[in-house]
């Protein structure tokens, strides 16, 4: 069922993709604004929250393991 839902959503997004294109007047302006010398900086700024969320998710996921390692006594004695 999940595969069917994923397939239908993929098909839906592929079908509505061309609708999101800019008009003939706006498209060159939009492309010119996107592809500037600051493209890399803009891309990294856009992706920074994604990296921060992934880091936060990893910390929350591995918090119990990290806590037990930091609070356990040394095994060699």
N, C-alpha and C. Protein backbone atom coordinates (compact mmCIF):
# COMPACT_ATOMS: atom_id res chain seq x y z
N UNK A 1 0.82 -1.19 0.00
CA UNK A 1 0.00 0.00 0.00
C UNK A 1 0.87 1.26 0.00
N UNK A 2 1.97 1.21 0.76
CA UNK A 2 2.86 2.37 0.80
C UNK A 2 3.51 2.61 -0.56
N UNK A 3 3.86 1.54 -1.25
CA UNK A 3 4.48 1.68 -2.56
C UNK A 3 3.49 2.28 -3.55
N UNK A 4 2.24 1.89 -3.46
CA UNK A 4 1.21 2.44 -4.35
C UNK A 4 1.02 3.93 -4.08
N UNK A 5 0.97 4.30 -2.81
CA UNK A 5 0.81 5.70 -2.45
C UNK A 5 2.01 6.51 -2.92
N UNK A 6 3.20 5.99 -2.73
CA UNK A 6 4.40 6.69 -3.18
C UNK A 6 4.41 6.83 -4.69
N UNK A 7 4.01 5.79 -5.40
CA UNK A 7 3.95 5.86 -6.86
C UNK A 7 2.94 6.88 -7.34
N UNK A 8 1.77 6.91 -6.71
CA UNK A 8 0.75 7.88 -7.11
C UNK A 8 1.18 9.31 -6.82
N UNK A 9 1.82 9.53 -5.68
CA UNK A 9 2.31 10.88 -5.37
C UNK A 9 3.41 11.30 -6.33
N UNK A 10 4.29 10.39 -6.69
CA UNK A 10 5.34 10.71 -7.66
C UNK A 10 4.73 11.08 -9.00
N UNK A 11 3.76 10.30 -9.45
CA UNK A 11 3.09 10.60 -10.72
C UNK A 11 2.39 11.94 -10.65
N UNK A 12 1.75 12.24 -9.53
CA UNK A 12 1.06 13.51 -9.38
C UNK A 12 2.04 14.67 -9.46
N UNK A 13 3.16 14.57 -8.77
CA UNK A 13 4.15 15.64 -8.79
C UNK A 13 4.78 15.81 -10.17
N UNK A 14 4.96 14.71 -10.88
CA UNK A 14 5.51 14.81 -12.23
C UNK A 14 4.51 15.44 -13.19
N UNK A 15 3.24 15.20 -12.98
CA UNK A 15 2.23 15.77 -13.86
C UNK A 15 2.01 17.26 -13.61
N UNK A 16 2.10 17.70 -12.35
CA UNK A 16 1.87 19.12 -12.08
C UNK A 16 3.14 19.94 -12.17
N UNK A 17 4.28 19.31 -12.41
CA UNK A 17 5.55 20.04 -12.52
C UNK A 17 5.56 21.08 -13.61
N UNK A 18 5.13 20.76 -14.84
CA UNK A 18 5.15 21.76 -15.91
C UNK A 18 4.25 22.96 -15.65
N UNK A 19 3.25 22.82 -14.80
CA UNK A 19 2.36 23.93 -14.50
C UNK A 19 3.11 25.02 -13.74
N UNK A 20 4.14 24.65 -13.01
CA UNK A 20 4.86 25.59 -12.17
C UNK A 20 5.89 26.42 -12.93
N UNK A 21 6.03 26.21 -14.22
CA UNK A 21 6.99 26.98 -14.99
C UNK A 21 6.56 28.44 -15.07
N UNK A 22 7.52 29.33 -15.14
CA UNK A 22 7.22 30.75 -15.23
C UNK A 22 6.79 31.12 -16.64
N UNK A 23 6.13 32.24 -16.76
CA UNK A 23 5.67 32.68 -18.07
C UNK A 23 6.86 33.15 -18.92
N UNK A 24 6.61 33.42 -20.18
CA UNK A 24 7.69 33.82 -21.09
C UNK A 24 8.36 35.12 -20.67
N UNK A 25 7.61 36.00 -20.05
CA UNK A 25 8.17 37.29 -19.63
C UNK A 25 9.00 37.12 -18.36
N UNK A 26 8.48 36.37 -17.41
CA UNK A 26 9.13 36.25 -16.10
C UNK A 26 10.28 35.25 -16.08
N UNK A 27 10.22 34.21 -16.89
CA UNK A 27 11.22 33.13 -16.82
C UNK A 27 12.65 33.64 -16.96
N UNK A 28 12.97 34.49 -17.95
CA UNK A 28 14.37 34.95 -18.04
C UNK A 28 14.81 35.74 -16.81
N UNK A 29 13.90 36.52 -16.24
CA UNK A 29 14.25 37.29 -15.04
C UNK A 29 14.50 36.36 -13.86
N UNK A 30 13.68 35.34 -13.74
CA UNK A 30 13.84 34.40 -12.63
C UNK A 30 15.15 33.63 -12.80
N UNK A 31 15.42 33.15 -14.01
CA UNK A 31 16.66 32.42 -14.25
C UNK A 31 17.88 33.30 -14.03
N UNK A 32 17.80 34.56 -14.43
CA UNK A 32 18.92 35.47 -14.23
C UNK A 32 19.15 35.74 -12.75
N UNK A 33 18.08 35.78 -11.98
CA UNK A 33 18.22 36.03 -10.54
C UNK A 33 18.77 34.80 -9.82
N UNK A 34 18.47 33.62 -10.34
CA UNK A 34 18.95 32.39 -9.69
C UNK A 34 20.41 32.14 -10.02
N UNK A 35 20.77 32.25 -11.26
CA UNK A 35 22.12 31.90 -11.71
C UNK A 35 23.04 33.12 -11.70
N UNK A 36 23.33 33.58 -10.52
CA UNK A 36 24.23 34.71 -10.32
C UNK A 36 25.54 34.20 -9.74
N UNK A 37 26.53 35.06 -9.60
CA UNK A 37 27.79 34.61 -8.96
C UNK A 37 27.60 34.15 -7.51
N UNK A 38 26.52 34.57 -6.87
CA UNK A 38 26.26 34.16 -5.49
C UNK A 38 25.46 32.87 -5.42
N UNK A 39 25.41 32.10 -6.50
CA UNK A 39 24.60 30.88 -6.55
C UNK A 39 25.00 29.89 -5.46
N UNK A 40 26.28 29.67 -5.28
CA UNK A 40 26.75 28.71 -4.29
C UNK A 40 26.39 29.16 -2.88
N UNK A 41 26.56 30.42 -2.60
CA UNK A 41 26.22 30.95 -1.28
C UNK A 41 24.73 30.81 -1.03
N UNK A 42 23.92 31.14 -2.04
CA UNK A 42 22.47 31.02 -1.89
C UNK A 42 22.06 29.57 -1.68
N UNK A 43 22.69 28.65 -2.40
CA UNK A 43 22.36 27.23 -2.25
C UNK A 43 22.74 26.73 -0.86
N UNK A 44 23.91 27.11 -0.38
CA UNK A 44 24.33 26.68 0.96
C UNK A 44 23.44 27.29 2.04
N UNK A 45 23.02 28.54 1.84
CA UNK A 45 22.12 29.17 2.79
C UNK A 45 20.77 28.46 2.80
N UNK A 46 20.33 28.03 1.64
CA UNK A 46 19.07 27.31 1.55
C UNK A 46 19.16 25.94 2.21
N UNK A 47 20.30 25.26 2.08
CA UNK A 47 20.46 23.91 2.61
C UNK A 47 20.91 23.87 4.07
N UNK A 48 21.31 24.99 4.63
CA UNK A 48 21.78 25.03 6.01
C UNK A 48 20.73 24.55 7.01
N UNK A 49 19.48 24.97 6.92
CA UNK A 49 18.48 24.44 7.87
C UNK A 49 18.28 22.93 7.75
N UNK A 50 18.43 22.39 6.56
CA UNK A 50 18.29 20.94 6.38
C UNK A 50 19.39 20.22 7.14
N UNK A 51 20.62 20.70 7.02
CA UNK A 51 21.73 20.11 7.75
C UNK A 51 21.56 20.24 9.25
N UNK A 52 21.06 21.39 9.69
CA UNK A 52 20.84 21.59 11.12
C UNK A 52 19.77 20.64 11.65
N UNK A 53 18.71 20.45 10.88
CA UNK A 53 17.66 19.52 11.31
C UNK A 53 18.15 18.08 11.33
N UNK A 54 18.97 17.70 10.35
CA UNK A 54 19.53 16.35 10.35
C UNK A 54 20.46 16.14 11.55
N UNK A 55 21.25 17.13 11.87
CA UNK A 55 22.13 17.04 13.04
C UNK A 55 21.32 16.93 14.33
N UNK A 56 20.27 17.73 14.44
CA UNK A 56 19.41 17.67 15.61
C UNK A 56 18.73 16.31 15.72
N UNK A 57 18.27 15.77 14.60
CA UNK A 57 17.63 14.45 14.62
C UNK A 57 18.62 13.37 15.03
N UNK A 58 19.86 13.47 14.56
CA UNK A 58 20.88 12.49 14.95
C UNK A 58 21.19 12.58 16.44
N UNK A 59 21.26 13.79 16.96
CA UNK A 59 21.53 13.96 18.40
C UNK A 59 20.39 13.37 19.22
N UNK A 60 19.16 13.64 18.82
CA UNK A 60 18.01 13.10 19.56
C UNK A 60 17.98 11.58 19.45
N UNK A 61 18.28 11.04 18.28
CA UNK A 61 18.23 9.60 18.06
C UNK A 61 19.31 8.88 18.86
N UNK A 62 20.52 9.43 18.88
CA UNK A 62 21.64 8.78 19.55
C UNK A 62 21.86 9.26 20.98
N UNK A 63 21.00 10.10 21.52
CA UNK A 63 21.18 10.63 22.87
C UNK A 63 21.26 9.54 23.94
N UNK A 64 20.40 8.53 23.92
CA UNK A 64 20.53 7.49 24.96
C UNK A 64 21.87 6.76 24.90
N UNK A 65 22.36 6.48 23.71
CA UNK A 65 23.65 5.78 23.58
C UNK A 65 24.79 6.65 24.08
N UNK A 66 24.76 7.91 23.72
CA UNK A 66 25.81 8.83 24.15
C UNK A 66 25.76 9.00 25.66
N UNK A 67 24.55 9.09 26.21
CA UNK A 67 24.41 9.27 27.66
C UNK A 67 24.96 8.08 28.42
N UNK A 68 24.68 6.87 27.96
CA UNK A 68 25.19 5.69 28.66
C UNK A 68 26.70 5.59 28.55
N UNK A 69 27.26 5.97 27.44
CA UNK A 69 28.73 5.93 27.30
C UNK A 69 29.41 6.95 28.18
N UNK A 70 28.82 8.13 28.31
CA UNK A 70 29.45 9.17 29.10
C UNK A 70 29.28 8.95 30.60
N UNK A 71 28.21 8.28 31.00
CA UNK A 71 27.96 8.11 32.44
C UNK A 71 28.40 6.76 32.98
N UNK A 72 28.78 5.82 32.12
CA UNK A 72 29.20 4.50 32.60
C UNK A 72 30.63 4.57 33.13
N UNK A 73 30.93 3.69 34.08
CA UNK A 73 32.27 3.64 34.63
C UNK A 73 33.20 2.90 33.67
N UNK A 74 34.49 3.16 33.74
CA UNK A 74 35.43 2.48 32.85
C UNK A 74 35.40 0.96 33.07
N UNK A 75 35.51 0.21 31.99
CA UNK A 75 35.42 -1.26 32.07
C UNK A 75 36.74 -1.89 32.50
N UNK A 76 37.85 -1.24 32.24
CA UNK A 76 39.13 -1.86 32.60
C UNK A 76 39.48 -1.49 34.05
N UNK A 77 39.91 -2.48 34.78
CA UNK A 77 40.15 -2.22 36.17
C UNK A 77 41.17 -3.01 36.77
